[in-house]
């Protein structure tokens, strides 16, 4: 089964995925947020399949606004749930692929430290996972 995504659907997927990486970078403010964002973004652009094509597109439609982590989360967390809902309606495999890609990017963003992740990064990972699974 192939998926058919509107321009708005694609923007939602990109906002959700890159927003998850941005949330991880924001939660890593005491560490190396730039490094977290870089590693997470590389993971997203390494995706394959239809989702990989959407995430690799060079566009300006990623809607990440907010001056605080809470404001950013207000945009990103609903986008993650919405992305999963729209993908599940069309193709369960692609929904699983998107979930796996986002969690890989989150893991890559969190893995820039030696030793275990900070409590803030661990909490943000759980929050992102919950938003993905809320659909």
Protein backbone atom coordinates (compact mmCIF):
# COMPACT_ATOMS: atom_id res chain seq x y z
CA UNK A 1 0.00 0.00 0.00
CA UNK A 2 1.33 3.44 -0.84
CA UNK A 3 0.59 6.54 1.13
CA UNK A 4 -0.81 9.78 -0.22
CA UNK A 5 0.17 12.85 1.75
CA UNK A 6 -0.98 16.40 1.20
CA UNK A 7 1.42 19.31 1.54
CA UNK A 8 -0.08 19.96 4.99
CA UNK A 9 0.42 16.29 5.99
CA UNK A 10 4.07 16.49 4.97
CA UNK A 11 4.52 19.72 6.93
CA UNK A 12 3.00 18.04 9.98
CA UNK A 13 5.40 15.08 9.67
CA UNK A 14 8.40 17.37 9.35
CA UNK A 15 7.27 19.60 12.22
CA UNK A 16 6.72 16.55 14.41
CA UNK A 17 10.04 14.85 13.62
CA UNK A 18 12.30 17.90 13.65
CA UNK A 19 10.34 19.27 16.59
CA UNK A 20 11.13 16.14 18.60
CA UNK A 21 14.82 16.74 17.94
CA UNK A 22 14.41 20.40 18.91
CA UNK A 23 12.75 19.39 22.17
CA UNK A 24 15.67 17.09 22.96
CA UNK A 25 18.14 19.87 22.22
CA UNK A 26 16.18 22.28 24.41
CA UNK A 27 16.12 19.73 27.24
CA UNK A 28 19.90 19.42 26.87
CA UNK A 29 20.50 23.11 27.56
CA UNK A 30 23.07 22.31 30.25
CA UNK A 31 24.95 19.95 27.94
CA UNK A 32 25.49 20.39 24.24
CA UNK A 33 22.20 21.34 22.56
CA UNK A 34 23.85 22.06 19.21
CA UNK A 35 25.42 18.62 19.17
CA UNK A 36 22.12 16.99 20.18
CA UNK A 37 20.29 18.79 17.37
CA UNK A 38 22.95 17.84 14.84
CA UNK A 39 22.95 14.15 15.73
CA UNK A 40 19.15 13.99 15.81
CA UNK A 41 18.82 15.78 12.47
CA UNK A 42 21.35 13.48 10.83
CA UNK A 43 19.28 10.51 12.00
CA UNK A 44 16.16 12.03 10.43
CA UNK A 45 17.81 12.75 7.10
CA UNK A 46 19.13 9.18 7.03
CA UNK A 47 15.60 7.76 6.92
CA UNK A 48 14.49 5.75 3.91
CA UNK A 49 11.20 4.99 2.20
CA UNK A 50 8.31 7.41 1.75
CA UNK A 51 8.87 8.94 5.20
CA UNK A 52 12.56 9.41 4.42
CA UNK A 53 11.66 11.36 1.29
CA UNK A 54 9.32 13.62 3.28
CA UNK A 55 11.89 14.28 6.00
CA UNK A 56 14.73 14.91 3.54
CA UNK A 57 12.81 17.51 1.52
CA UNK A 58 14.27 21.00 1.64
CA UNK A 59 11.31 23.15 2.66
CA UNK A 60 10.48 26.02 4.93
CA UNK A 61 7.23 24.55 6.22
CA UNK A 62 8.52 23.30 9.57
CA UNK A 63 6.52 25.22 12.14
CA UNK A 64 8.60 25.36 15.33
CA UNK A 65 7.68 28.39 17.38
CA UNK A 66 8.09 29.16 21.03
CA UNK A 67 10.41 30.94 23.39
CA UNK A 68 10.36 28.22 26.02
CA UNK A 69 10.48 24.44 26.06
CA UNK A 70 6.83 24.43 27.16
CA UNK A 71 5.76 26.59 24.20
CA UNK A 72 7.72 24.39 21.79
CA UNK A 73 6.15 21.29 23.33
CA UNK A 74 2.69 22.80 22.80
CA UNK A 75 3.40 22.70 19.05
CA UNK A 76 5.46 19.52 18.73
CA UNK A 77 3.65 17.01 20.94
CA UNK A 78 0.25 17.41 19.20
CA UNK A 79 2.05 17.27 15.83
CA UNK A 80 3.61 13.92 16.81
CA UNK A 81 0.20 12.49 17.69
CA UNK A 82 -1.39 13.94 14.56
CA UNK A 83 1.38 12.53 12.36
CA UNK A 84 0.88 9.07 13.81
CA UNK A 85 -2.90 9.31 13.34
CA UNK A 86 -2.68 10.31 9.69
CA UNK A 87 -0.10 7.63 8.91
CA UNK A 88 -2.05 4.90 10.71
CA UNK A 89 -5.12 5.78 8.65
CA UNK A 90 -3.18 5.08 5.47
CA UNK A 91 -0.52 2.48 6.25
CA UNK A 92 0.36 0.86 9.58
CA UNK A 93 3.84 -0.02 8.32
CA UNK A 94 4.66 3.60 7.51
CA UNK A 95 3.27 4.69 10.87
CA UNK A 96 5.64 2.22 12.54
CA UNK A 97 8.47 3.44 10.33
CA UNK A 98 7.84 7.07 11.32
CA UNK A 99 7.71 6.15 15.01
CA UNK A 100 10.98 4.23 14.73
CA UNK A 101 12.69 7.08 12.85
CA UNK A 102 11.63 9.68 15.42
CA UNK A 103 12.73 7.50 18.33
CA UNK A 104 16.07 6.84 16.62
CA UNK A 105 16.56 10.60 16.23
CA UNK A 106 15.62 11.13 19.88
CA UNK A 107 18.11 8.46 20.90
CA UNK A 108 20.79 10.01 18.71
CA UNK A 109 20.13 13.43 20.25
CA UNK A 110 20.33 11.99 23.76
CA UNK A 111 23.40 9.90 23.02
CA UNK A 112 25.81 12.79 22.68
CA UNK A 113 26.89 12.47 26.31
CA UNK A 114 29.27 10.12 27.99
CA UNK A 115 27.39 8.04 30.51
CA UNK A 116 23.65 8.02 31.10
CA UNK A 117 21.31 10.73 29.85
CA UNK A 118 20.37 13.55 32.17
CA UNK A 119 17.03 13.33 33.97
CA UNK A 120 15.70 16.12 31.72
CA UNK A 121 16.60 14.19 28.55
CA UNK A 122 15.13 10.98 29.93
CA UNK A 123 11.90 12.77 30.83
CA UNK A 124 11.68 14.41 27.39
CA UNK A 125 12.23 11.03 25.71
CA UNK A 126 9.31 9.59 27.70
CA UNK A 127 7.13 12.59 26.81
CA UNK A 128 7.90 12.26 23.09
CA UNK A 129 7.26 8.51 23.17
CA UNK A 130 3.93 9.08 24.91
CA UNK A 131 2.89 11.60 22.24
CA UNK A 132 3.76 9.10 19.50
CA UNK A 133 1.76 6.39 21.23
CA UNK A 134 -1.24 8.61 22.09
CA UNK A 135 -2.82 8.08 18.69
